[in-house]
Amino acid sequence: MQDEWPKILSRQTVKVSPWVELVAREVEFTPGEPSQVYHAIAQQDYLAIVALTPDGRFPIVRQYRPALEMFTWELPAGLAEPGEDHGTGCARELLEETGYPARAIHPLGSAAPCSGRFSNRIHSFFLQTGERIDDFVSEPGLSVDLATPAELVAMIMSGELIQQLHLGALLLAELRGFITLPRQEPT
């Protein structure tokens, strides 16, 4: 194992906040070549939820994203809590963000959100919901809506739903046969 390349020669981690660490890795790719330093962001794993209500609509959430300095429409999502089963975490996030309880939870897959800059994973799930709980109050700054498959596709095509990780979750849900999104003709 000692003679295999690339080799990580050193690793330094700087905690930026409770949610983010900056990691610098010194990497030697081949023997005798100068090493190079690569930086990455370390965060908790993400959860992305493609949920479908009993009447065939998708719960979506609108919230302000300081990184973009704008409001965005997204699928329900959140951070994976340490030690929590990812499917259980998705059910928790869905209920907290939208007021919809999960009736069935189906894993869609895990992927790297950005293999060049982030070291975490995104775990995508398809959840069938029950009816929305009666006394649901959304979190401050978060609004919830329901979109039909055609409305969701229109939001994607118009740039209203721009979270690339959520577009990937939708693709996985369709490829695994849980949803069917209508095709939009090119203009």
C-alpha atoms as a PDB file:
ATOM      1  CA  MET A   1       0.000   0.000   0.000  1.00  0.00           C
ATOM      2  CA  GLN A   2       2.873   2.404   0.679  1.00  0.00           C
ATOM      3  CA  ASP A   3       3.837   2.418  -3.011  1.00  0.00           C
ATOM      4  CA  GLU A   4       0.399   3.344  -4.342  1.00  0.00           C
ATOM      5  CA  TRP A   5      -0.332   6.806  -5.759  1.00  0.00           C
ATOM      6  CA  PRO A   6      -1.812   9.302  -5.328  1.00  0.00           C
ATOM      7  CA  LYS A   7      -0.776   9.738  -1.689  1.00  0.00           C
ATOM      8  CA  ILE A   8      -2.171  12.150   0.861  1.00  0.00           C
ATOM      9  CA  LEU A   9       0.959  13.625   2.482  1.00  0.00           C
ATOM     10  CA  SER A  10      -0.845  15.878   4.938  1.00  0.00           C
ATOM     11  CA  ARG A  11      -4.322  17.015   5.880  1.00  0.00           C
ATOM     12  CA  GLN A  12      -5.239  20.182   7.785  1.00  0.00           C
ATOM     13  CA  THR A  13      -8.765  21.011   8.897  1.00  0.00           C
ATOM     14  CA  VAL A  14     -10.031  24.437   9.966  1.00  0.00           C
ATOM     15  CA  LYS A  15     -13.483  24.663  11.561  1.00  0.00           C
ATOM     16  CA  VAL A  16     -15.290  27.638  10.013  1.00  0.00           C
ATOM     17  CA  SER A  17     -18.671  27.205  11.723  1.00  0.00           C
ATOM     18  CA  PRO A  18     -20.716  24.451  13.380  1.00  0.00           C
ATOM     19  CA  TRP A  19     -21.684  23.329   9.851  1.00  0.00           C
ATOM     20  CA  VAL A  20     -18.545  23.821   7.756  1.00  0.00           C
ATOM     21  CA  GLU A  21     -14.870  22.871   7.863  1.00  0.00           C
ATOM     22  CA  LEU A  22     -12.188  23.801   5.314  1.00  0.00           C
ATOM     23  CA  VAL A  23      -9.867  20.888   4.559  1.00  0.00           C
ATOM     24  CA  ALA A  24      -6.459  21.332   2.878  1.00  0.00           C
ATOM     25  CA  ARG A  25      -4.891  18.139   1.498  1.00  0.00           C
ATOM     26  CA  GLU A  26      -1.339  17.922   0.238  1.00  0.00           C
ATOM     27  CA  VAL A  27      -1.379  15.294  -2.518  1.00  0.00           C
ATOM     28  CA  GLU A  28       1.526  13.590  -4.280  1.00  0.00           C
ATOM     29  CA  PHE A  29       0.289  12.109  -7.555  1.00  0.00           C
ATOM     30  CA  THR A  30       3.436  10.328  -8.763  1.00  0.00           C
ATOM     31  CA  PRO A  31       6.849   9.574  -7.237  1.00  0.00           C
ATOM     32  CA  GLY A  32       9.280  12.460  -7.481  1.00  0.00           C
ATOM     33  CA  GLU A  33       6.732  15.017  -8.682  1.00  0.00           C
ATOM     34  CA  PRO A  34       6.006  18.089  -6.544  1.00  0.00           C
ATOM     35  CA  SER A  35       2.972  17.725  -4.304  1.00  0.00           C
ATOM     36  CA  GLN A  36      -0.081  19.940  -4.740  1.00  0.00           C
ATOM     37  CA  VAL A  37      -2.518  21.343  -2.186  1.00  0.00           C
ATOM     38  CA  TYR A  38      -6.256  20.871  -2.738  1.00  0.00           C
ATOM     39  CA  HIS A  39      -9.001  22.494  -0.693  1.00  0.00           C
ATOM     40  CA  ALA A  40     -12.414  21.046   0.060  1.00  0.00           C
ATOM     41  CA  ILE A  41     -15.443  21.910   2.144  1.00  0.00           C
ATOM     42  CA  ALA A  42     -16.441  19.320   4.733  1.00  0.00           C
ATOM     43  CA  GLN A  43     -20.084  19.300   5.841  1.00  0.00           C
ATOM     44  CA  GLN A  44     -22.609  16.841   7.171  1.00  0.00           C
ATOM     45  CA  ASP A  45     -24.295  14.670   4.578  1.00  0.00           C
ATOM     46  CA  TYR A  46     -27.455  16.055   2.940  1.00  0.00           C
ATOM     47  CA  LEU A  47     -30.893  14.500   2.618  1.00  0.00           C
ATOM     48  CA  ALA A  48     -33.061  15.227  -0.446  1.00  0.00           C
ATOM     49  CA  ILE A  49     -36.717  14.240  -0.455  1.00  0.00           C
ATOM     50  CA  VAL A  50     -38.923  13.630  -3.465  1.00  0.00           C
ATOM     51  CA  ALA A  51     -42.327  13.323  -1.813  1.00  0.00           C
ATOM     52  CA  LEU A  52     -45.695  12.625  -3.390  1.00  0.00           C
ATOM     53  CA  THR A  53     -48.990  13.366  -1.648  1.00  0.00           C
ATOM     54  CA  PRO A  54     -52.011  11.038  -1.934  1.00  0.00           C
ATOM     55  CA  ASP A  55     -53.474  13.359  -4.609  1.00  0.00           C
ATOM     56  CA  GLY A  56     -50.291  13.137  -6.756  1.00  0.00           C
ATOM     57  CA  ARG A  57     -48.638  16.469  -5.966  1.00  0.00           C
ATOM     58  CA  PHE A  58     -45.111  17.288  -4.819  1.00  0.00           C
ATOM     59  CA  PRO A  59     -44.577  19.300  -1.612  1.00  0.00           C
ATOM     60  CA  ILE A  60     -42.039  22.058  -2.310  1.00  0.00           C
ATOM     61  CA  VAL A  61     -40.612  24.735  -0.050  1.00  0.00           C
ATOM     62  CA  ARG A  62     -39.594  28.345  -0.639  1.00  0.00           C
ATOM     63  CA  GLN A  63     -36.893  29.840   1.533  1.00  0.00           C
ATOM     64  CA  TYR A  64     -34.244  32.531   1.513  1.00  0.00           C
ATOM     65  CA  ARG A  65     -30.762  31.251   0.689  1.00  0.00           C
ATOM     66  CA  PRO A  66     -28.062  33.694   1.893  1.00  0.00           C
ATOM     67  CA  ALA A  67     -25.414  32.034  -0.314  1.00  0.00           C
ATOM     68  CA  LEU A  68     -27.432  33.088  -3.383  1.00  0.00           C
ATOM     69  CA  GLU A  69     -28.973  36.193  -1.771  1.00  0.00           C
ATOM     70  CA  MET A  70     -32.392  35.180  -3.044  1.00  0.00           C
ATOM     71  CA  PHE A  71     -35.455  33.032  -2.357  1.00  0.00           C
ATOM     72  CA  THR A  72     -35.515  29.588  -3.972  1.00  0.00           C
ATOM     73  CA  TRP A  73     -38.074  26.848  -4.517  1.00  0.00           C
ATOM     74  CA  GLU A  74     -36.707  23.473  -3.495  1.00  0.00           C
ATOM     75  CA  LEU A  75     -37.677  19.978  -2.521  1.00  0.00           C
ATOM     76  CA  PRO A  76     -37.850  19.325   1.210  1.00  0.00           C
ATOM     77  CA  ALA A  77     -34.323  18.618   2.425  1.00  0.00           C
ATOM     78  CA  GLY A  78     -31.939  18.925   5.321  1.00  0.00           C
ATOM     79  CA  LEU A  79     -28.750  17.768   6.957  1.00  0.00           C
ATOM     80  CA  ALA A  80     -28.290  14.166   8.004  1.00  0.00           C
ATOM     81  CA  GLU A  81     -28.101  14.037  11.779  1.00  0.00           C
ATOM     82  CA  PRO A  82     -25.162  12.012  13.163  1.00  0.00           C
ATOM     83  CA  GLY A  83     -26.300   8.494  14.068  1.00  0.00           C
ATOM     84  CA  GLU A  84     -29.783   8.915  12.559  1.00  0.00           C
ATOM     85  CA  ASP A  85     -30.976   6.516   9.869  1.00  0.00           C
ATOM     86  CA  HIS A  86     -31.204   8.504   6.611  1.00  0.00           C
ATOM     87  CA  GLY A  87     -34.741   7.342   5.834  1.00  0.00           C
ATOM     88  CA  THR A  88     -35.868   8.319   9.334  1.00  0.00           C
ATOM     89  CA  GLY A  89     -34.155  11.677   8.863  1.00  0.00           C
ATOM     90  CA  CYS A  90     -36.059  12.234   5.610  1.00  0.00           C
ATOM     91  CA  ALA A  91     -39.379  11.479   7.314  1.00  0.00           C
ATOM     92  CA  ARG A  92     -38.460  13.929  10.097  1.00  0.00           C
ATOM     93  CA  GLU A  93     -37.409  16.681   7.645  1.00  0.00           C
ATOM     94  CA  LEU A  94     -40.536  16.210   5.515  1.00  0.00           C
ATOM     95  CA  LEU A  95     -42.820  16.543   8.528  1.00  0.00           C
ATOM     96  CA  GLU A  96     -40.897  19.523   9.970  1.00  0.00           C
ATOM     97  CA  GLU A  97     -40.788  21.441   6.692  1.00  0.00           C
ATOM     98  CA  THR A  98     -44.139  20.586   5.102  1.00  0.00           C
ATOM     99  CA  GLY A  99     -46.454  19.033   7.683  1.00  0.00           C
ATOM    100  CA  TYR A 100     -46.773  15.829   5.650  1.00  0.00           C
ATOM    101  CA  PRO A 101     -46.103  12.527   7.447  1.00  0.00           C
ATOM    102  CA  ALA A 102     -44.337   9.744   5.556  1.00  0.00           C
ATOM    103  CA  ARG A 103     -46.345   6.592   4.789  1.00  0.00           C
ATOM    104  CA  ALA A 104     -43.572   4.838   2.843  1.00  0.00           C
ATOM    105  CA  ILE A 105     -39.861   5.558   2.429  1.00  0.00           C
ATOM    106  CA  HIS A 106     -37.821   4.343  -0.552  1.00  0.00           C
ATOM    107  CA  PRO A 107     -34.076   4.992  -0.943  1.00  0.00           C
ATOM    108  CA  LEU A 108     -33.110   6.373  -4.347  1.00  0.00           C
ATOM    109  CA  GLY A 109     -29.330   6.402  -3.929  1.00  0.00           C
ATOM    110  CA  SER A 110     -26.397   8.385  -2.638  1.00  0.00           C
ATOM    111  CA  ALA A 111     -24.089  10.628  -4.623  1.00  0.00           C
ATOM    112  CA  ALA A 112     -21.371  13.245  -4.286  1.00  0.00           C
ATOM    113  CA  PRO A 113     -22.810  16.793  -4.467  1.00  0.00           C
ATOM    114  CA  CYS A 114     -19.599  18.167  -5.995  1.00  0.00           C
ATOM    115  CA  SER A 115     -16.672  15.768  -6.239  1.00  0.00           C
ATOM    116  CA  GLY A 116     -14.173  18.599  -6.750  1.00  0.00           C
ATOM    117  CA  ARG A 117     -15.048  20.715  -3.708  1.00  0.00           C
ATOM    118  CA  PHE A 118     -17.296  18.911  -1.185  1.00  0.00           C
ATOM    119  CA  SER A 119     -16.440  15.770   0.760  1.00  0.00           C
ATOM    120  CA  ASN A 120     -19.968  14.924   1.899  1.00  0.00           C
ATOM    121  CA  ARG A 121     -22.708  12.847   0.267  1.00  0.00           C
ATOM    122  CA  ILE A 122     -26.321  13.494  -0.656  1.00  0.00           C
ATOM    123  CA  HIS A 123     -28.805  10.739   0.155  1.00  0.00           C
ATOM    124  CA  SER A 124     -31.970  10.927  -1.932  1.00  0.00           C
ATOM    125  CA  PHE A 125     -35.265   9.284  -0.992  1.00  0.00           C
ATOM    126  CA  PHE A 126     -38.759   8.968  -2.416  1.00  0.00           C
ATOM    127  CA  LEU A 127     -41.475   9.308   0.229  1.00  0.00           C
ATOM    128  CA  GLN A 128     -45.166   8.645  -0.162  1.00  0.00           C
ATOM    129  CA  THR A 129     -47.021  10.907   2.243  1.00  0.00           C
ATOM    130  CA  GLY A 130     -50.178  10.738   4.237  1.00  0.00           C
ATOM    131  CA  GLU A 131     -52.536  13.697   4.532  1.00  0.00           C
ATOM    132  CA  ARG A 132     -51.064  16.900   5.930  1.00  0.00           C
ATOM    133  CA  ILE A 133     -51.393  17.249   9.702  1.00  0.00           C
ATOM    134  CA  ASP A 134     -54.144  19.677  10.720  1.00  0.00           C
ATOM    135  CA  ASP A 135     -52.197  21.896  13.096  1.00  0.00           C
ATOM    136  CA  PHE A 136     -49.087  22.369  10.918  1.00  0.00           C
ATOM    137  CA  VAL A 137     -47.358  25.749  11.153  1.00  0.00           C
ATOM    138  CA  SER A 138     -44.395  26.274   8.840  1.00  0.00           C
ATOM    139  CA  GLU A 139     -41.029  27.430  10.142  1.00  0.00           C
ATOM    140  CA  PRO A 140     -40.470  31.208  10.055  1.00  0.00           C
ATOM    141  CA  GLY A 141     -39.239  32.278   6.612  1.00  0.00           C
ATOM    142  CA  LEU A 142     -40.332  29.017   4.987  1.00  0.00           C
ATOM    143  CA  SER A 143     -43.408  28.651   2.822  1.00  0.00           C
ATOM    144  CA  VAL A 144     -44.832  25.407   1.496  1.00  0.00           C
ATOM    145  CA  ASP A 145     -46.738  24.750  -1.703  1.00  0.00           C
ATOM    146  CA  LEU A 146     -47.821  21.751  -3.735  1.00  0.00           C
ATOM    147  CA  ALA A 147     -46.914  21.286  -7.390  1.00  0.00           C
ATOM    148  CA  THR A 148     -48.385  18.912  -9.931  1.00  0.00           C
ATOM    149  CA  PRO A 149     -45.875  17.054 -12.089  1.00  0.00           C
ATOM    150  CA  ALA A 150     -46.514  19.524 -14.955  1.00  0.00           C
ATOM    151  CA  GLU A 151     -46.110  22.523 -12.634  1.00  0.00           C
ATOM    152  CA  LEU A 152     -42.876  21.091 -11.255  1.00  0.00           C
ATOM    153  CA  VAL A 153     -41.460  20.596 -14.765  1.00  0.00           C
ATOM    154  CA  ALA A 154     -42.476  24.165 -15.672  1.00  0.00           C
ATOM    155  CA  MET A 155     -40.655  25.447 -12.559  1.00  0.00           C
ATOM    156  CA  ILE A 156     -37.531  23.518 -13.540  1.00  0.00           C
ATOM    157  CA  MET A 157     -37.623  24.729 -17.147  1.00  0.00           C
ATOM    158  CA  SER A 158     -38.212  28.359 -16.134  1.00  0.00           C
ATOM    159  CA  GLY A 159     -35.384  28.357 -13.592  1.00  0.00           C
ATOM    160  CA  GLU A 160     -37.620  28.702 -10.526  1.00  0.00           C
ATOM    161  CA  LEU A 161     -36.433  25.360  -9.102  1.00  0.00           C
ATOM    162  CA  ILE A 162     -32.637  25.557  -9.472  1.00  0.00           C
ATOM    163  CA  GLN A 163     -31.175  23.307  -6.762  1.00  0.00           C
ATOM    164  CA  GLN A 164     -29.087  20.904  -8.871  1.00  0.00           C
ATOM    165  CA  LEU A 165     -28.983  18.286  -6.106  1.00  0.00           C
ATOM    166  CA  HIS A 166     -32.773  18.211  -6.092  1.00  0.00           C
ATOM    167  CA  LEU A 167     -32.923  17.893  -9.865  1.00  0.00           C
ATOM    168  CA  GLY A 168     -30.724  14.813  -9.449  1.00  0.00           C
ATOM    169  CA  ALA A 169     -33.090  13.395  -6.814  1.00  0.00           C
ATOM    170  CA  LEU A 170     -36.023  13.905  -9.196  1.00  0.00           C
ATOM    171  CA  LEU A 171     -34.120  12.132 -11.962  1.00  0.00           C
ATOM    172  CA  LEU A 172     -33.371   9.191  -9.654  1.00  0.00           C
ATOM    173  CA  ALA A 173     -37.050   9.006  -8.631  1.00  0.00           C
ATOM    174  CA  GLU A 174     -38.068   8.895 -12.277  1.00  0.00           C
ATOM    175  CA  LEU A 175     -35.381   6.389 -13.299  1.00  0.00           C
ATOM    176  CA  ARG A 176     -36.441   4.071 -10.463  1.00  0.00           C
ATOM    177  CA  GLY A 177     -40.091   4.290 -11.571  1.00  0.00           C
ATOM    178  CA  PHE A 178     -41.559   6.181  -8.602  1.00  0.00           C
ATOM    179  CA  ILE A 179     -42.643   9.247 -10.599  1.00  0.00           C
ATOM    180  CA  THR A 180     -43.283  10.257 -14.195  1.00  0.00           C
ATOM    181  CA  LEU A 181     -42.571  13.829 -15.211  1.00  0.00           C
ATOM    182  CA  PRO A 182     -44.173  15.148 -18.385  1.00  0.00           C
ATOM    183  CA  ARG A 183     -41.862  16.131 -21.196  1.00  0.00           C
ATOM    184  CA  GLN A 184     -41.875  19.728 -22.320  1.00  0.00           C
ATOM    185  CA  GLU A 185     -41.423  20.386 -26.027  1.00  0.00           C
ATOM    186  CA  PRO A 186     -38.410  22.549 -26.954  1.00  0.00           C
ATOM    187  CA  THR A 187     -39.386  26.065 -27.943  1.00  0.00           C
END
